[in-house]
Amino acid sequence: MGRFKYAAPAQFYPLAGKMAPWFAAAAAILAVIGLVIGLYLAPIDVTQKDSYRIIFIHVPAAWMSMFLYVVMAFWGALALAMNTRLSAMMAQSIAPTGALMTALALWTGAFWGKPTWGTYWAWDARMTTELILLFLYLGIIALRNAIDDPRRADKACGVLALVGVVNVPIIYMSVKWWNTLHQGATIKAGNASIAAIMLAGMLVMVFAFWFYSIAVTLVRLRTIMLEREAGTAWVARLAETEKER
């Protein structure tokens, strides 16, 4: 088995159970630290006043919405190429969290836009492409639920995820390709145009969102494993062990 030991659901299931609480605890601690920095320690913005503080939720959620889609598409592609059950389950478990992050990014963006631009929604290029991302997530979830055969659903969702991944670079580049209400990137490699304390708070929140996403994905993955492997020997042994306890 070697390095591919954990490619089997039976082997990864207990590992996921051990990892999830640690990632959840780390996410909670980092979220508290990030919110303290963002809501109390970071200074008031000269032009946007306190309304800018929503970036400590909005920006991490937006970043995670794109990152999770790429990760989901990667696992979907791996499932298509190698026909691995765990890869397909991993992609399936990521989709709801990705949809949540995208919805949160759109929601917080709307509340940030009202005091900044005077409107909750303006069909801005980045807003629109982020909305398309939400539809892609929801479409993948709906497609999976519409197909009874899990293996066929894996293939269909994998193809849709790969087709939709082209939207991710479009979201990122939208502020450069079109005239939009959104400002350009304030954080670049080796350079940041925001105060150090603001950058620190934002990065802490990014890791908080990242660790939260890992934790809930692992918890959901364990549930999916039990559902899809219900007729296997390892699930039967697990059920017997639970009964004995």
C-alpha atoms as a PDB file:
ATOM      1  CA  MET A   1       0.000   0.000   0.000  1.00  0.00           C
ATOM      2  CA  GLY A   2       2.866   2.397   0.865  1.00  0.00           C
ATOM      3  CA  ARG A   3       2.211   6.050   0.247  1.00  0.00           C
ATOM      4  CA  PHE A   4      -1.224   5.276  -1.220  1.00  0.00           C
ATOM      5  CA  LYS A   5      -2.400   3.777   2.064  1.00  0.00           C
ATOM      6  CA  TYR A   6      -4.820   6.609   2.788  1.00  0.00           C
ATOM      7  CA  ALA A   7      -6.322   6.539  -0.716  1.00  0.00           C
ATOM      8  CA  ALA A   8      -8.704   3.877   0.579  1.00  0.00           C
ATOM      9  CA  PRO A   9     -11.818   5.169   2.397  1.00  0.00           C
ATOM     10  CA  ALA A  10     -11.360   2.557   5.136  1.00  0.00           C
ATOM     11  CA  GLN A  11      -7.910   3.952   5.941  1.00  0.00           C
ATOM     12  CA  PHE A  12      -8.730   7.646   5.564  1.00  0.00           C
ATOM     13  CA  TYR A  13     -11.923   7.551   7.637  1.00  0.00           C
ATOM     14  CA  PRO A  14     -10.215   7.293  11.066  1.00  0.00           C
ATOM     15  CA  LEU A  15      -7.507   9.771  10.022  1.00  0.00           C
ATOM     16  CA  ALA A  16     -10.154  12.320   9.032  1.00  0.00           C
ATOM     17  CA  GLY A  17     -11.820  11.838  12.405  1.00  0.00           C
ATOM     18  CA  LYS A  18      -8.561  12.617  14.182  1.00  0.00           C
ATOM     19  CA  MET A  19      -7.701  15.674  12.061  1.00  0.00           C
ATOM     20  CA  ALA A  20     -11.090  17.422  12.012  1.00  0.00           C
ATOM     21  CA  PRO A  21     -11.156  18.515  15.701  1.00  0.00           C
ATOM     22  CA  TRP A  22      -7.658  19.978  15.481  1.00  0.00           C
ATOM     23  CA  PHE A  23      -8.495  22.032  12.403  1.00  0.00           C
ATOM     24  CA  ALA A  24     -11.775  23.154  14.003  1.00  0.00           C
ATOM     25  CA  ALA A  25      -9.977  24.278  17.170  1.00  0.00           C
ATOM     26  CA  ALA A  26      -7.335  26.123  15.158  1.00  0.00           C
ATOM     27  CA  ALA A  27     -10.050  27.826  13.098  1.00  0.00           C
ATOM     28  CA  ALA A  28     -11.886  28.992  16.231  1.00  0.00           C
ATOM     29  CA  ILE A  29      -8.728  30.374  17.851  1.00  0.00           C
ATOM     30  CA  LEU A  30      -7.599  32.166  14.700  1.00  0.00           C
ATOM     31  CA  ALA A  31     -11.094  33.576  14.103  1.00  0.00           C
ATOM     32  CA  VAL A  32     -11.129  35.135  17.576  1.00  0.00           C
ATOM     33  CA  ILE A  33      -7.657  36.627  17.062  1.00  0.00           C
ATOM     34  CA  GLY A  34      -8.527  37.885  13.571  1.00  0.00           C
ATOM     35  CA  LEU A  35     -11.776  39.504  14.693  1.00  0.00           C
ATOM     36  CA  VAL A  36     -10.074  41.215  17.627  1.00  0.00           C
ATOM     37  CA  ILE A  37      -7.482  42.639  15.241  1.00  0.00           C
ATOM     38  CA  GLY A  38     -10.039  43.591  12.606  1.00  0.00           C
ATOM     39  CA  LEU A  39     -12.744  45.038  14.842  1.00  0.00           C
ATOM     40  CA  TYR A  40     -10.694  46.608  17.643  1.00  0.00           C
ATOM     41  CA  LEU A  41      -6.976  46.940  16.892  1.00  0.00           C
ATOM     42  CA  ALA A  42      -7.040  47.960  13.226  1.00  0.00           C
ATOM     43  CA  PRO A  43      -7.357  51.743  12.768  1.00  0.00           C
ATOM     44  CA  ILE A  44     -10.333  53.483  11.195  1.00  0.00           C
ATOM     45  CA  ASP A  45      -9.981  53.922   7.435  1.00  0.00           C
ATOM     46  CA  VAL A  46      -9.639  57.520   6.298  1.00  0.00           C
ATOM     47  CA  THR A  47     -12.256  57.330   3.532  1.00  0.00           C
ATOM     48  CA  GLN A  48     -14.503  54.363   4.414  1.00  0.00           C
ATOM     49  CA  LYS A  49     -14.429  54.820   8.214  1.00  0.00           C
ATOM     50  CA  ASP A  50     -15.544  51.694  10.083  1.00  0.00           C
ATOM     51  CA  SER A  51     -17.495  50.227   7.172  1.00  0.00           C
ATOM     52  CA  TYR A  52     -14.275  48.838   5.696  1.00  0.00           C
ATOM     53  CA  ARG A  53     -13.972  46.344   8.575  1.00  0.00           C
ATOM     54  CA  ILE A  54     -16.230  43.944   6.722  1.00  0.00           C
ATOM     55  CA  ILE A  55     -13.161  43.086   4.617  1.00  0.00           C
ATOM     56  CA  PHE A  56     -12.009  40.805   7.433  1.00  0.00           C
ATOM     57  CA  ILE A  57     -14.936  38.532   6.529  1.00  0.00           C
ATOM     58  CA  HIS A  58     -15.529  39.438   2.894  1.00  0.00           C
ATOM     59  CA  VAL A  59     -12.010  39.037   1.518  1.00  0.00           C
ATOM     60  CA  PRO A  60     -11.218  35.666   3.180  1.00  0.00           C
ATOM     61  CA  ALA A  61     -14.611  34.326   2.083  1.00  0.00           C
ATOM     62  CA  ALA A  62     -14.031  35.491  -1.503  1.00  0.00           C
ATOM     63  CA  TRP A  63     -10.556  33.979  -1.608  1.00  0.00           C
ATOM     64  CA  MET A  64     -11.784  30.693  -0.187  1.00  0.00           C
ATOM     65  CA  SER A  65     -14.703  30.565  -2.635  1.00  0.00           C
ATOM     66  CA  MET A  66     -12.225  30.512  -5.536  1.00  0.00           C
ATOM     67  CA  PHE A  67      -9.612  28.331  -3.853  1.00  0.00           C
ATOM     68  CA  LEU A  68     -12.145  25.683  -2.850  1.00  0.00           C
ATOM     69  CA  TYR A  69     -13.527  25.512  -6.374  1.00  0.00           C
ATOM     70  CA  VAL A  70     -10.051  24.846  -7.779  1.00  0.00           C
ATOM     71  CA  VAL A  71      -9.444  22.166  -5.137  1.00  0.00           C
ATOM     72  CA  MET A  72     -12.845  20.605  -5.854  1.00  0.00           C
ATOM     73  CA  ALA A  73     -12.101  20.571  -9.594  1.00  0.00           C
ATOM     74  CA  PHE A  74      -8.705  18.978  -8.898  1.00  0.00           C
ATOM     75  CA  TRP A  75     -10.266  16.114  -6.935  1.00  0.00           C
ATOM     76  CA  GLY A  76     -12.978  15.781  -9.573  1.00  0.00           C
ATOM     77  CA  ALA A  77     -10.344  15.544 -12.312  1.00  0.00           C
ATOM     78  CA  LEU A  78      -8.390  12.971 -10.296  1.00  0.00           C
ATOM     79  CA  ALA A  79     -11.556  10.915  -9.909  1.00  0.00           C
ATOM     80  CA  LEU A  80     -12.158  11.064 -13.662  1.00  0.00           C
ATOM     81  CA  ALA A  81      -8.587  10.198 -14.577  1.00  0.00           C
ATOM     82  CA  MET A  82      -7.904   7.456 -12.008  1.00  0.00           C
ATOM     83  CA  ASN A  83     -11.440   6.340 -11.093  1.00  0.00           C
ATOM     84  CA  THR A  84     -10.668   6.697  -7.385  1.00  0.00           C
ATOM     85  CA  ARG A  85     -13.614   6.644  -5.011  1.00  0.00           C
ATOM     86  CA  LEU A  86     -12.022   8.800  -2.328  1.00  0.00           C
ATOM     87  CA  SER A  87     -11.190  11.587  -4.798  1.00  0.00           C
ATOM     88  CA  ALA A  88     -14.814  11.769  -5.908  1.00  0.00           C
ATOM     89  CA  MET A  89     -15.988  11.795  -2.298  1.00  0.00           C
ATOM     90  CA  MET A  90     -13.538  14.574  -1.509  1.00  0.00           C
ATOM     91  CA  ALA A  91     -14.890  16.691  -4.358  1.00  0.00           C
ATOM     92  CA  GLN A  92     -18.438  15.997  -3.202  1.00  0.00           C
ATOM     93  CA  SER A  93     -17.626  17.046   0.368  1.00  0.00           C
ATOM     94  CA  ILE A  94     -16.040  20.355  -0.686  1.00  0.00           C
ATOM     95  CA  ALA A  95     -18.949  21.661  -2.788  1.00  0.00           C
ATOM     96  CA  PRO A  96     -21.324  22.764   0.030  1.00  0.00           C
ATOM     97  CA  THR A  97     -18.550  24.628   1.866  1.00  0.00           C
ATOM     98  CA  GLY A  98     -17.494  26.317  -1.364  1.00  0.00           C
ATOM     99  CA  ALA A  99     -21.082  27.396  -1.965  1.00  0.00           C
ATOM    100  CA  LEU A 100     -21.263  28.754   1.595  1.00  0.00           C
ATOM    101  CA  MET A 101     -18.076  30.792   1.142  1.00  0.00           C
ATOM    102  CA  THR A 102     -19.311  32.178  -2.171  1.00  0.00           C
ATOM    103  CA  ALA A 103     -22.678  33.155  -0.709  1.00  0.00           C
ATOM    104  CA  LEU A 104     -20.930  34.784   2.258  1.00  0.00           C
ATOM    105  CA  ALA A 105     -18.636  36.727  -0.072  1.00  0.00           C
ATOM    106  CA  LEU A 106     -21.618  37.988  -2.085  1.00  0.00           C
ATOM    107  CA  TRP A 107     -23.641  38.845   1.026  1.00  0.00           C
ATOM    108  CA  THR A 108     -20.868  40.737   2.810  1.00  0.00           C
ATOM    109  CA  GLY A 109     -19.884  42.398  -0.452  1.00  0.00           C
ATOM    110  CA  ALA A 110     -23.402  43.730  -0.842  1.00  0.00           C
ATOM    111  CA  PHE A 111     -23.368  45.214   2.668  1.00  0.00           C
ATOM    112  CA  TRP A 112     -19.959  46.736   2.011  1.00  0.00           C
ATOM    113  CA  GLY A 113     -21.129  48.122  -1.316  1.00  0.00           C
ATOM    114  CA  LYS A 114     -24.102  50.028   0.088  1.00  0.00           C
ATOM    115  CA  PRO A 115     -22.139  52.618   2.120  1.00  0.00           C
ATOM    116  CA  THR A 116     -19.214  52.606  -0.333  1.00  0.00           C
ATOM    117  CA  TRP A 117     -20.955  52.688  -3.715  1.00  0.00           C
ATOM    118  CA  GLY A 118     -24.486  53.594  -2.702  1.00  0.00           C
ATOM    119  CA  THR A 119     -26.002  50.279  -3.836  1.00  0.00           C
ATOM    120  CA  TYR A 120     -26.114  46.668  -2.699  1.00  0.00           C
ATOM    121  CA  TRP A 121     -25.749  45.299  -6.230  1.00  0.00           C
ATOM    122  CA  ALA A 122     -24.482  46.847  -9.448  1.00  0.00           C
ATOM    123  CA  TRP A 123     -23.810  43.927 -11.829  1.00  0.00           C
ATOM    124  CA  ASP A 124     -20.137  44.750 -11.496  1.00  0.00           C
ATOM    125  CA  ALA A 125     -17.886  42.305 -13.404  1.00  0.00           C
ATOM    126  CA  ARG A 126     -16.480  40.771 -10.250  1.00  0.00           C
ATOM    127  CA  MET A 127     -19.886  40.565  -8.576  1.00  0.00           C
ATOM    128  CA  THR A 128     -21.371  38.880 -11.622  1.00  0.00           C
ATOM    129  CA  THR A 129     -18.582  36.340 -12.065  1.00  0.00           C
ATOM    130  CA  GLU A 130     -18.705  35.546  -8.332  1.00  0.00           C
ATOM    131  CA  LEU A 131     -22.465  34.999  -8.685  1.00  0.00           C
ATOM    132  CA  ILE A 132     -21.758  32.631 -11.585  1.00  0.00           C
ATOM    133  CA  LEU A 133     -19.392  30.774  -9.251  1.00  0.00           C
ATOM    134  CA  LEU A 134     -22.225  30.319  -6.768  1.00  0.00           C
ATOM    135  CA  PHE A 135     -24.464  28.966  -9.542  1.00  0.00           C
ATOM    136  CA  LEU A 136     -21.697  26.517 -10.508  1.00  0.00           C
ATOM    137  CA  TYR A 137     -21.438  25.226  -6.956  1.00  0.00           C
ATOM    138  CA  LEU A 138     -25.217  24.904  -6.666  1.00  0.00           C
ATOM    139  CA  GLY A 139     -25.380  23.285 -10.097  1.00  0.00           C
ATOM    140  CA  ILE A 140     -22.846  20.639  -9.084  1.00  0.00           C
ATOM    141  CA  ILE A 141     -24.735  19.927  -5.858  1.00  0.00           C
ATOM    142  CA  ALA A 142     -28.059  19.718  -7.730  1.00  0.00           C
ATOM    143  CA  LEU A 143     -26.577  17.526 -10.479  1.00  0.00           C
ATOM    144  CA  ARG A 144     -25.259  15.053  -7.921  1.00  0.00           C
ATOM    145  CA  ASN A 145     -28.636  14.850  -6.192  1.00  0.00           C
ATOM    146  CA  ALA A 146     -30.390  14.347  -9.538  1.00  0.00           C
ATOM    147  CA  ILE A 147     -28.361  11.233 -10.469  1.00  0.00           C
ATOM    148  CA  ASP A 148     -29.082   8.068  -8.507  1.00  0.00           C
ATOM    149  CA  ASP A 149     -25.929   6.184  -9.477  1.00  0.00           C
ATOM    150  CA  PRO A 150     -23.031   7.656  -7.420  1.00  0.00           C
ATOM    151  CA  ARG A 151     -20.371   6.718  -9.985  1.00  0.00           C
ATOM    152  CA  ARG A 152     -22.260   8.374 -12.819  1.00  0.00           C
ATOM    153  CA  ALA A 153     -22.817  11.393 -10.599  1.00  0.00           C
ATOM    154  CA  ASP A 154     -19.084  11.541  -9.875  1.00  0.00           C
ATOM    155  CA  LYS A 155     -18.279  11.679 -13.585  1.00  0.00           C
ATOM    156  CA  ALA A 156     -20.935  14.258 -14.416  1.00  0.00           C
ATOM    157  CA  CYS A 157     -19.951  16.523 -11.518  1.00  0.00           C
ATOM    158  CA  GLY A 158     -16.268  16.137 -12.341  1.00  0.00           C
ATOM    159  CA  VAL A 159     -16.849  17.285 -15.913  1.00  0.00           C
ATOM    160  CA  LEU A 160     -18.976  20.254 -14.800  1.00  0.00           C
ATOM    161  CA  ALA A 161     -16.362  21.258 -12.221  1.00  0.00           C
ATOM    162  CA  LEU A 162     -13.606  21.177 -14.830  1.00  0.00           C
ATOM    163  CA  VAL A 163     -15.665  23.215 -17.293  1.00  0.00           C
ATOM    164  CA  GLY A 164     -16.528  25.765 -14.618  1.00  0.00           C
ATOM    165  CA  VAL A 165     -12.977  26.191 -13.318  1.00  0.00           C
ATOM    166  CA  VAL A 166     -12.310  28.632 -16.168  1.00  0.00           C
ATOM    167  CA  ASN A 167     -14.481  31.112 -14.263  1.00  0.00           C
ATOM    168  CA  VAL A 168     -11.968  31.347 -11.394  1.00  0.00           C
ATOM    169  CA  PRO A 169      -9.214  33.233 -13.270  1.00  0.00           C
ATOM    170  CA  ILE A 170     -11.919  35.407 -14.826  1.00  0.00           C
ATOM    171  CA  ILE A 171     -13.054  36.433 -11.324  1.00  0.00           C
ATOM    172  CA  TYR A 172      -9.493  37.231 -10.326  1.00  0.00           C
ATOM    173  CA  MET A 173      -8.659  39.168 -13.488  1.00  0.00           C
ATOM    174  CA  SER A 174     -12.019  40.937 -13.840  1.00  0.00           C
ATOM    175  CA  VAL A 175     -10.767  44.168 -12.215  1.00  0.00           C
ATOM    176  CA  LYS A 176      -7.962  44.339 -14.797  1.00  0.00           C
ATOM    177  CA  TRP A 177      -9.959  43.327 -17.853  1.00  0.00           C
ATOM    178  CA  TRP A 178     -13.012  45.548 -17.297  1.00  0.00           C
ATOM    179  CA  ASN A 179     -13.916  48.837 -15.664  1.00  0.00           C
ATOM    180  CA  THR A 180     -15.398  47.737 -12.348  1.00  0.00           C
ATOM    181  CA  LEU A 181     -16.394  49.263  -9.046  1.00  0.00           C
ATOM    182  CA  HIS A 182     -13.962  46.951  -7.290  1.00  0.00           C
ATOM    183  CA  GLN A 183     -10.499  48.292  -6.617  1.00  0.00           C
ATOM    184  CA  GLY A 184      -7.393  46.454  -7.798  1.00  0.00           C
ATOM    185  CA  ALA A 185      -5.467  44.025  -5.648  1.00  0.00           C
ATOM    186  CA  THR A 186      -4.147  45.622  -2.448  1.00  0.00           C
ATOM    187  CA  ILE A 187      -2.012  42.597  -1.577  1.00  0.00           C
ATOM    188  CA  LYS A 188       0.653  41.545  -4.065  1.00  0.00           C
ATOM    189  CA  ALA A 189       3.764  39.403  -3.853  1.00  0.00           C
ATOM    190  CA  GLY A 190       6.251  41.256  -1.674  1.00  0.00           C
ATOM    191  CA  ASN A 191       4.047  44.324  -1.380  1.00  0.00           C
ATOM    192  CA  ALA A 192       0.847  45.457   0.319  1.00  0.00           C
ATOM    193  CA  SER A 193      -0.883  48.832   0.100  1.00  0.00           C
ATOM    194  CA  ILE A 194      -2.749  48.478   3.406  1.00  0.00           C
ATOM    195  CA  ALA A 195      -1.554  48.996   6.981  1.00  0.00           C
ATOM    196  CA  ALA A 196       0.450  46.125   8.471  1.00  0.00           C
ATOM    197  CA  ILE A 197      -2.080  45.548  11.268  1.00  0.00           C
ATOM    198  CA  MET A 198      -4.914  45.329   8.717  1.00  0.00           C
ATOM    199  CA  LEU A 199      -2.907  42.881   6.606  1.00  0.00           C
ATOM    200  CA  ALA A 200      -2.139  40.774   9.673  1.00  0.00           C
ATOM    201  CA  GLY A 201      -5.799  40.612  10.661  1.00  0.00           C
ATOM    202  CA  MET A 202      -6.859  39.676   7.150  1.00  0.00           C
ATOM    203  CA  LEU A 203      -4.267  36.912   6.830  1.00  0.00           C
ATOM    204  CA  VAL A 204      -5.218  35.484  10.222  1.00  0.00           C
ATOM    205  CA  MET A 205      -8.843  35.374   9.085  1.00  0.00           C
ATOM    206  CA  VAL A 206      -7.829  33.710   5.815  1.00  0.00           C
ATOM    207  CA  PHE A 207      -6.209  30.884   7.764  1.00  0.00           C
ATOM    208  CA  ALA A 208      -9.230  30.722  10.079  1.00  0.00           C
ATOM    209  CA  PHE A 209     -11.528  30.281   7.077  1.00  0.00           C
ATOM    210  CA  TRP A 210      -9.120  27.775   5.530  1.00  0.00           C
ATOM    211  CA  PHE A 211      -8.918  25.607   8.643  1.00  0.00           C
ATOM    212  CA  TYR A 212     -12.702  25.817   9.104  1.00  0.00           C
ATOM    213  CA  SER A 213     -13.173  24.628   5.525  1.00  0.00           C
ATOM    214  CA  ILE A 214     -10.840  21.689   6.094  1.00  0.00           C
ATOM    215  CA  ALA A 215     -12.591  20.734   9.341  1.00  0.00           C
ATOM    216  CA  VAL A 216     -16.134  20.746   7.966  1.00  0.00           C
ATOM    217  CA  THR A 217     -15.028  19.063   4.744  1.00  0.00           C
ATOM    218  CA  LEU A 218     -13.478  16.214   6.733  1.00  0.00           C
ATOM    219  CA  VAL A 219     -16.585  15.829   8.880  1.00  0.00           C
ATOM    220  CA  ARG A 220     -18.815  15.796   5.789  1.00  0.00           C
ATOM    221  CA  LEU A 221     -16.419  13.405   4.048  1.00  0.00           C
ATOM    222  CA  ARG A 222     -16.768  10.877   6.868  1.00  0.00           C
ATOM    223  CA  THR A 223     -20.544  10.977   6.493  1.00  0.00           C
ATOM    224  CA  ILE A 224     -20.295  10.520   2.734  1.00  0.00           C
ATOM    225  CA  MET A 225     -17.941   7.580   3.223  1.00  0.00           C
ATOM    226  CA  LEU A 226     -20.396   5.811   5.499  1.00  0.00           C
ATOM    227  CA  GLU A 227     -23.269   6.413   3.079  1.00  0.00           C
ATOM    228  CA  ARG A 228     -21.430   5.279  -0.043  1.00  0.00           C
ATOM    229  CA  GLU A 229     -19.516   2.401   1.571  1.00  0.00           C
ATOM    230  CA  ALA A 230     -22.503   1.131   3.560  1.00  0.00           C
ATOM    231  CA  GLY A 231     -22.299  -2.392   2.118  1.00  0.00           C
ATOM    232  CA  THR A 232     -18.576  -2.891   2.698  1.00  0.00           C
ATOM    233  CA  ALA A 233     -16.897  -4.991   5.362  1.00  0.00           C
ATOM    234  CA  TRP A 234     -15.051  -2.100   7.010  1.00  0.00           C
ATOM    235  CA  VAL A 235     -18.278  -0.163   7.628  1.00  0.00           C
ATOM    236  CA  ALA A 236     -19.870  -3.300   9.060  1.00  0.00           C
ATOM    237  CA  ARG A 237     -16.902  -3.727  11.410  1.00  0.00           C
ATOM    238  CA  LEU A 238     -17.141  -0.077  12.401  1.00  0.00           C
ATOM    239  CA  ALA A 239     -20.838  -0.482  13.176  1.00  0.00           C
ATOM    240  CA  GLU A 240     -20.106  -3.532  15.315  1.00  0.00           C
ATOM    241  CA  THR A 241     -17.418  -1.637  17.199  1.00  0.00           C
ATOM    242  CA  GLU A 242     -19.811   1.225  17.879  1.00  0.00           C
ATOM    243  CA  LYS A 243     -22.444  -1.225  19.182  1.00  0.00           C
ATOM    244  CA  GLU A 244     -19.954  -2.781  21.584  1.00  0.00           C
ATOM    245  CA  ARG A 245     -19.216   0.617  23.057  1.00  0.00           C
END
